[in-house]
Amino acid sequence: METKRQSPVLRAHLLRMTMLTQRAVDHAIKAYELLDPEFCGLMNKSEQEWRGIQRTIGNRGRRLLAAGLAVDTDSLIARCVVRIFGALRTSYIAATEITHNSLLLAESGQTDGSEPIRRMGRLVNGLVRQCTVALYEGMPHHAEAILRDVEGRRWFERILERTEEDLLQQTSAQSRIEVAIARSLGHIADQAYEIAEACTLWMHGRDSLAILHRLAS
């Protein structure tokens, strides 16, 4: 019974973490697009809540173990939830790094960001937004749409590689910061695909492996 009561609470925390991550990514990308210190300060407002949710989840897990209640970590749902939590955490950290680096650019007097990085940012923002909708609505077609867009993923990888190469040929401090921002966007994109795959596995159950194979073909 205790494990059953924990499930809605866990889902509520998962959804809250998803929303905070989506907001952090959105603010980070706007911070780079606008190079506005105001947007850089928005991240601090959600940091305390983010850490609080992580502590709550950890405390609940410890209480379950202390009570001797078995948690089936080998179940499909458990594996998917762990993957999603990990991807959200990685995405949130990458978003904070983008915000911090955007603040450095703004303080250096730079007023305009790289157009390829802005384009990558818009794509990443869309991916994270689709993941958020998939988790909130519990409908797999949003996640499947991410996995199905193989050409979009290849485009992102090509432009990321080309942008890194161009920036690494420069020697300024600003170019090094922009390389870090581009790489952080790459990390968030990778995590969006991870979440999309985990959502598809979770929502389709036993038929999920066949569906993933079809989407990848």
Protein backbone atom coordinates (compact mmCIF):
# COMPACT_ATOMS: atom_id res chain seq x y z
CA MET A 1 0.00 0.00 0.00
CA GLU A 2 2.81 2.40 0.88
CA THR A 3 4.45 1.89 -2.50
CA LYS A 4 1.12 2.57 -4.24
CA ARG A 5 0.69 5.78 -2.26
CA GLN A 6 4.19 6.87 -3.27
CA SER A 7 3.47 6.55 -7.01
CA PRO A 8 1.26 9.67 -7.46
CA VAL A 9 3.70 11.65 -5.31
CA LEU A 10 6.64 10.47 -7.40
CA ARG A 11 4.79 11.38 -10.61
CA ALA A 12 4.03 14.85 -9.21
CA HIS A 13 7.72 15.39 -8.43
CA LEU A 14 8.71 14.11 -11.88
CA LEU A 15 6.33 16.55 -13.55
CA ARG A 16 7.54 19.42 -11.37
CA MET A 17 11.16 18.64 -12.23
CA THR A 18 10.18 18.50 -15.90
CA MET A 19 8.55 21.92 -15.73
CA LEU A 20 11.51 23.46 -13.89
CA THR A 21 13.92 21.99 -16.45
CA GLN A 22 11.88 23.27 -19.39
CA ARG A 23 11.74 26.72 -17.81
CA ALA A 24 15.49 26.68 -17.10
CA VAL A 25 16.28 25.71 -20.70
CA ASP A 26 13.94 28.39 -22.06
CA HIS A 27 15.49 31.08 -19.83
CA ALA A 28 19.02 29.96 -20.70
CA ILE A 29 18.37 30.15 -24.44
CA LYS A 30 16.74 33.58 -24.11
CA ALA A 31 19.69 34.71 -21.97
CA TYR A 32 22.02 33.85 -24.85
CA GLU A 33 19.78 35.26 -27.57
CA LEU A 34 19.33 38.58 -25.78
CA LEU A 35 22.59 38.65 -23.77
CA ASP A 36 20.52 40.33 -21.08
CA PRO A 37 21.75 40.01 -17.47
CA GLU A 38 18.11 40.09 -16.30
CA PHE A 39 17.39 36.72 -17.85
CA CYS A 40 20.55 35.33 -16.29
CA GLY A 41 19.15 36.10 -12.83
CA LEU A 42 15.92 34.19 -13.42
CA MET A 43 17.68 30.84 -12.99
CA ASN A 44 18.43 31.51 -9.33
CA LYS A 45 14.72 31.69 -8.49
CA SER A 46 14.10 28.04 -9.37
CA GLU A 47 17.38 26.65 -7.99
CA GLN A 48 16.10 26.34 -4.42
CA GLU A 49 12.93 24.54 -5.49
CA TRP A 50 14.93 22.21 -7.75
CA ARG A 51 17.19 21.19 -4.88
CA GLY A 52 14.19 20.79 -2.58
CA ILE A 53 12.50 18.34 -4.95
CA GLN A 54 15.71 16.32 -5.24
CA ARG A 55 15.97 16.13 -1.45
CA THR A 56 12.33 15.06 -1.15
CA ILE A 57 12.75 12.26 -3.69
CA GLY A 58 15.89 11.04 -1.94
CA ASN A 59 14.18 11.10 1.47
CA ARG A 60 11.20 9.12 0.18
CA GLY A 61 13.50 6.50 -1.31
CA ARG A 62 15.37 6.16 1.96
CA ARG A 63 12.11 5.79 3.90
CA LEU A 64 10.99 3.01 1.58
CA LEU A 65 14.26 1.16 2.10
CA ALA A 66 14.16 1.70 5.87
CA ALA A 67 10.63 0.27 5.97
CA GLY A 68 11.82 -2.84 4.16
CA LEU A 69 9.56 -2.19 1.17
CA ALA A 70 10.86 -3.72 -2.04
CA VAL A 71 11.23 -1.48 -5.04
CA ASP A 72 11.34 -3.34 -8.34
CA THR A 73 14.28 -1.54 -9.92
CA ASP A 74 14.27 -4.05 -12.78
CA SER A 75 10.77 -3.14 -13.93
CA LEU A 76 10.33 -1.26 -17.20
CA ILE A 77 8.64 1.70 -15.51
CA ALA A 78 11.34 2.01 -12.85
CA ARG A 79 14.11 1.98 -15.45
CA CYS A 80 12.32 4.59 -17.55
CA VAL A 81 11.72 6.88 -14.57
CA VAL A 82 15.38 6.65 -13.55
CA ARG A 83 16.44 7.51 -17.11
CA ILE A 84 14.09 10.51 -17.20
CA PHE A 85 15.22 11.82 -13.80
CA GLY A 86 18.86 11.52 -14.87
CA ALA A 87 18.22 13.27 -18.19
CA LEU A 88 16.33 16.10 -16.49
CA ARG A 89 19.17 16.62 -14.02
CA THR A 90 21.79 16.72 -16.79
CA SER A 91 19.66 19.13 -18.83
CA TYR A 92 19.12 21.43 -15.87
CA ILE A 93 22.85 21.58 -15.13
CA ALA A 94 23.61 22.31 -18.80
CA ALA A 95 21.01 25.10 -18.79
CA THR A 96 22.62 26.71 -15.73
CA GLU A 97 25.98 26.58 -17.51
CA ILE A 98 24.50 28.30 -20.59
CA THR A 99 23.02 31.00 -18.37
CA HIS A 100 26.30 31.54 -16.54
CA ASN A 101 28.29 31.73 -19.78
CA SER A 102 25.73 34.08 -21.33
CA LEU A 103 26.16 36.39 -18.34
CA LEU A 104 29.93 36.36 -18.92
CA LEU A 105 29.37 37.38 -22.54
CA ALA A 106 26.95 40.13 -21.54
CA GLU A 107 29.37 41.48 -18.93
CA SER A 108 32.18 41.50 -21.51
CA GLY A 109 30.14 43.89 -23.61
CA GLN A 110 29.09 41.43 -26.32
CA THR A 111 25.65 42.34 -27.65
CA ASP A 112 25.04 39.70 -30.30
CA GLY A 113 25.26 35.92 -30.24
CA SER A 114 26.17 33.49 -32.99
CA GLU A 115 23.32 32.82 -35.42
CA PRO A 116 24.08 29.06 -35.67
CA ILE A 117 23.99 28.78 -31.87
CA ARG A 118 20.71 30.70 -31.75
CA ARG A 119 19.27 28.28 -34.31
CA MET A 120 20.47 25.31 -32.29
CA GLY A 121 18.95 26.87 -29.19
CA ARG A 122 15.55 27.20 -30.82
CA LEU A 123 15.63 23.55 -31.90
CA VAL A 124 16.68 22.41 -28.42
CA ASN A 125 13.97 24.51 -26.80
CA GLY A 126 11.39 22.84 -29.05
CA LEU A 127 12.68 19.37 -28.17
CA VAL A 128 12.48 20.02 -24.44
CA ARG A 129 9.02 21.52 -24.82
CA GLN A 130 7.82 18.40 -26.67
CA CYS A 131 9.25 16.17 -23.94
CA THR A 132 7.39 18.22 -21.34
CA VAL A 133 4.10 17.86 -23.21
CA ALA A 134 4.67 14.10 -23.63
CA LEU A 135 5.20 13.64 -19.89
CA TYR A 136 2.32 15.89 -18.81
CA GLU A 137 -0.22 14.44 -21.23
CA GLY A 138 1.04 10.86 -21.03
CA MET A 139 0.68 10.56 -24.80
CA PRO A 140 3.55 8.86 -26.64
CA HIS A 141 3.09 10.50 -30.04
CA HIS A 142 4.88 13.65 -28.82
CA ALA A 143 7.92 11.56 -27.86
CA GLU A 144 7.68 9.54 -31.05
CA ALA A 145 7.75 12.73 -33.13
CA ILE A 146 11.16 13.57 -31.63
CA LEU A 147 12.55 10.13 -32.42
CA ARG A 148 11.03 10.10 -35.89
CA ASP A 149 12.77 13.33 -36.94
CA VAL A 150 16.06 11.65 -37.82
CA GLU A 151 16.97 14.35 -40.34
CA GLY A 152 16.47 17.08 -37.74
CA ARG A 153 18.84 15.29 -35.39
CA ARG A 154 21.46 14.92 -38.13
CA TRP A 155 21.11 18.62 -38.99
CA PHE A 156 21.73 19.54 -35.35
CA GLU A 157 24.80 17.31 -35.12
CA ARG A 158 26.24 18.77 -38.34
CA ILE A 159 25.72 22.39 -37.32
CA LEU A 160 27.09 21.72 -33.83
CA GLU A 161 30.25 20.16 -35.26
CA ARG A 162 30.72 22.95 -37.81
CA THR A 163 30.13 25.68 -35.20
CA GLU A 164 32.64 24.15 -32.80
CA GLU A 165 35.26 23.92 -35.55
CA ASP A 166 34.73 27.56 -36.57
CA LEU A 167 34.89 28.86 -33.00
CA LEU A 168 37.93 26.78 -32.04
CA GLN A 169 39.88 28.44 -34.86
CA GLN A 170 39.47 31.73 -33.01
CA THR A 171 41.52 32.61 -29.93
CA SER A 172 39.30 35.07 -28.07
CA ALA A 173 37.81 34.41 -24.64
CA GLN A 174 34.35 35.02 -26.13
CA SER A 175 34.80 32.25 -28.70
CA ARG A 176 35.78 29.77 -25.96
CA ILE A 177 32.66 30.70 -24.01
CA GLU A 178 30.49 30.22 -27.09
CA VAL A 179 32.03 26.78 -27.67
CA ALA A 180 30.98 25.87 -24.12
CA ILE A 181 27.45 27.15 -24.80
CA ALA A 182 27.20 25.14 -28.03
CA ARG A 183 28.36 21.99 -26.24
CA SER A 184 25.85 22.53 -23.45
CA LEU A 185 23.11 22.75 -26.07
CA GLY A 186 24.39 19.46 -27.47
CA HIS A 187 24.11 17.87 -24.01
CA ILE A 188 20.51 19.08 -23.64
CA ALA A 189 19.61 17.76 -27.10
CA ASP A 190 21.06 14.35 -26.21
CA GLN A 191 19.00 14.28 -23.01
CA ALA A 192 15.83 15.23 -24.90
CA TYR A 193 16.29 12.15 -27.12
CA GLU A 194 16.95 10.08 -23.99
CA ILE A 195 13.69 11.30 -22.42
CA ALA A 196 11.78 10.72 -25.66
CA GLU A 197 13.01 7.12 -25.84
CA ALA A 198 12.26 6.49 -22.15
CA CYS A 199 8.76 7.95 -22.57
CA THR A 200 8.11 5.71 -25.57
CA LEU A 201 9.27 2.64 -23.66
CA TRP A 202 7.19 3.60 -20.61
CA MET A 203 3.97 4.44 -22.45
CA HIS A 204 3.97 1.54 -24.91
CA GLY A 205 4.99 -1.18 -22.45
CA ARG A 206 5.73 -4.54 -24.00
CA ASP A 207 5.24 -3.28 -27.55
CA SER A 208 7.78 -0.48 -27.09
CA LEU A 209 10.90 -2.18 -28.44
CA ALA A 210 9.22 -2.95 -31.76
CA ILE A 211 7.98 0.65 -31.98
CA LEU A 212 11.44 2.07 -31.24
CA HIS A 213 12.91 -0.15 -33.95
CA ARG A 214 10.28 1.10 -36.42
CA LEU A 215 10.94 4.76 -35.54
CA ALA A 216 14.70 4.33 -35.97
CA SER A 217 14.41 2.59 -39.35
